[in-house]
Every structure is written in C-alpha cells, then in structure tokens.
Amino acid sequence: MKITVIVPTFNRAKTLPYAIRSLVEQRGDAELDILVVDDGSTDDTPDILADLSQQHPEIRVVSQPNSGVTMARNTGIENLHPEAEFVSFLDSDDLSPAGRFAADLPKFQSDPLVEITYGRMMYVENFDYTRLCPQTGSRTADIIGIHLSCAIFRRRLIERIGRFDPELLQGEDTDYLLRVFEANTRFCQTDTQCLYYLRHPDSLTKNIAASKRYFALAIRKSILRRKADPSIRIHKPDFEIQALKTTGFF
C-alpha cells in the first residue's frame, strides 16, 4: 500500500528536517513516498533536501519557482508516484504523529468502498524536536479540525476531485475538503491523532484577517456550488472548531 505524502515547503530550513523525520520514522508502517515540493526556497532548503534525499530513497524532490502553497500542492498532485494508491499531506513546519499511518491505512482494507479517512489534529505551541511531539508543558488543543493532514485519500478520489483552486492563496485546503465532502464521498472518521500543528509567529494563518477572508471565500464557493445544484449534500466529519475559542490560539 504505497502512499505519496505531499510536503510543500518554502524557506523552512529550520523545521523541514523534523517534518520529514516524523514521516521517515513511520516507514515501517507504510510504503512511503515522501514528495517534497520546494516552492523556490532561497534559504538552505535545497541543500538540506539534497542531503536528505541521498540518505532516504523514499524522499523525492520537485522544485519550482515561487508560486505559493496552492500551486505547490498542485505540483505535488501532478507528480504522484505511479504506484501510489493513497495520498496525504504534511506542511513543512508541522509533525506527523507516530503511528498515524499504521492506524488509518488498514481502514481502506477493511472497507474497499472507503475513499478517505479523517482523524484528529492537535494545535501545539512548542515542539520537542528530539521526541517529535508536543513539548512538555506546551499549550495544546486536541480537536477535529479542517486540515488536509487529517485525511488519507484514495488516489482515485484525488483524481476525481482534481486540482486545488489557484484563486485561493489561503483557504485552498478548506475549499478542497469541502469539494471532497460535496462529492458523495464515502469517508471513515477515526480517533487517530493525525497531525501536530505548530502555531508560531510567521504561520500563514497567523494573519487572521487574510485567513478569515479566504476561509469565507472557500465557504462562499461551496454555497454557490450547492445553490447551482440543489442535489449536492455535504457529507462531512463532525468538526469541533468552536473548541479552539477557549484555548487562546485564536
């Protein structure tokens, strides 16, 4: 069961090696194809990737001129491993929890009709990069959130849904997941911890105004699609976004 994990990155030389290591350490749980899309980095990222890909044959690197995360994700989709049956995502400043793939990939074997698994995510203030987990005493919030890394997709579903919307500089993940859940997709919701999500000062979503604007645009696009075709129904996981308001992360 080969899975391509798409890792878009731009000038994340300090955090990228840990994101990749959090995946590499799970290679005993899945036949991993780690596809890093370097979106025109100008720091040490290219050198780091050259070294990592020599050490770990499961790492592939595709480089492109800086075009933004949406186009980087599309480049990843366009370069899936020919033998990959499944697809997931990880941002280069986050971590993939140990056992994430071992827990959810068997769901597809149990039910051949399942097209996507969807689990939990944890917002984390600080990481312990030695143990690749939240730092002891760090503020955290464990929720069912809207994030691509919470999902494992069958490749046929990715091919059915298509590319990320290039109009969205942010919120492209929300839009993509909404399109997935509008497509009468058979999903399996799990209790698996799928992502450790780092909240830090230069995070894209730290720009609250822009984040809200693009999130609203993604929601509007969904509303317009459903207005144009009243037969569309959203079949989605039970999100717990409201819980974040009590944590101080927003």
Foldseek 3Di string as FASTA:
>chain_A
DEEEAEEEDAQPVPQQVLQVVLVVVQCVQHVYQYEYEYQQHPPCVVVVLVVVCVVPVSYDYHYDHHDAPQVSVQVSLVDDDPPHFKYAYDYRNWHFHPCQNNPPVCVCVVPVQAFKEFEKEKEWADPDSVVRGHDVPTQMDIWRAQDRQRMMGGSVLCVVLDGFDSVQNPCSSVLSVQSSQQPPHHYHYDHGHGIHHYQDDPDPCVVVVSNVVSNVVSVVVSVVVCVVPVVGDGDDDDTDVVVVVVRPSD
